[in-house]
Amino acid sequence: MVTLQDIAERAGVSKTAVSLVLNDKPGVSEEKREEIRRIAEACGYHLPHRSPDKPRNICFLKYQAKGYMVRQNGDFITRVIDGVESTARQHGYSLTMMNVRAENLAAMIPVINEAHDDGIIFLGTELEPDMAPLLREFAAPLVVLDNEMRHLDQDTVVMDNEEAVYRAMQYLYDKGHRKIGHLTTTYAVPNLKARSRAFHQALLELGLSGDAAFSYCAPDDVRAYADALAEQIDPGHLPTAILADNDILAINLLLALEKIGKRVPEDVSVIGIDDLTISAMTRPELTTIHLEKKRMGSAAVERLLSLIADRRQHPLKIMTSCWLVERHSVQAI
């Protein structure tokens, strides 16, 4: 497969310059532009010239590896897409959506490039660092959503995971909790890894000690969460509160505690992160941290439009904030 890097090396230019030419964007001299086009064609890399009347379009790539986090968090993804779609429309862009899996991402990149979209929003919830180099092969400007792309030069929009965890932990601390447990999953995508790191950091900052017995881990598949957690939790040795890394985990924790005869919040308090719609429908209703899902989608489009106007910008990492939604799954002690 011919890549942008291959063309750039033959032309003696940067990949950015190749991308500008293949997308009919300004910033490259006409002489060099023609040379790059000739090299691209000789390499078998064919991109159609954009017709003046072609509608402006943004492609939303819904990337999945195992797919668990994307499928389980449909409400979260829907809100993000709402922000993408409404902001794109406000600026005169249409939106197309495409599902891409880890195993076929490399093969799909040339196909996606041939669509000649103005820009790409890449849902990176399940994108691991070893797959990140493939993002450089996209011809159009690209912004990654829902993944900080830690230590990588990539435009991203993500929630502030550290702030979300700290707000939850501070709330539990203020309610008198000193024995706080933690729940994550074996399928620890980048956001959940960030939240797990933040949990341990918050323990230190609040002067609390962690108890390994209060660290719980659900399996990959959400269908097995509740049963697996019911087997892990010792009814005779419980923390006073448990922070779950997301609402899906927290809701299944409520079910697991019910299975072993423990009441929430009387026996143990539970708090989640995400503020999914279903979190207000559980019994008891789940206290959680609200993330600005629609705003994340909107911010990704705004950043993408800036890149479409000028590709010669250093990457920008944008974090959206959060706030506590107090319901009935936490009580003071």
Foldseek 3Di string as FASTA:
>chain_A
DDFLVNLCVVLVHDSLVLLCLLLVHDDDDPVSSVVSVVSCVVVVQDADDDDPPDFAEEEEEEEDEPCQVCVVPVLLVVLLVLLQQVLCVVVRYHYHYDYDYPVCLLVCQSVVQNVSHQEYEYACQQPDLVSVVSVSRHSHHYEYEAAQSPPDFGAYEHAPLLQFLLQVVVVQVVLPFQAEAEEEEPSQTRSNVVNVVSNVVSCVVVVGDYDPLRYYYAYRHLVRLLVRVLVSDDLVDYGLEYEYAAVSNQLSPCNSCVVNPHDFNVRHFYEHEDPRVCQVVGVQRHKYKHDNSSVSSNVRNVVSVVCSNPVPDGHDYHHGYIGIDDTGRDHGD
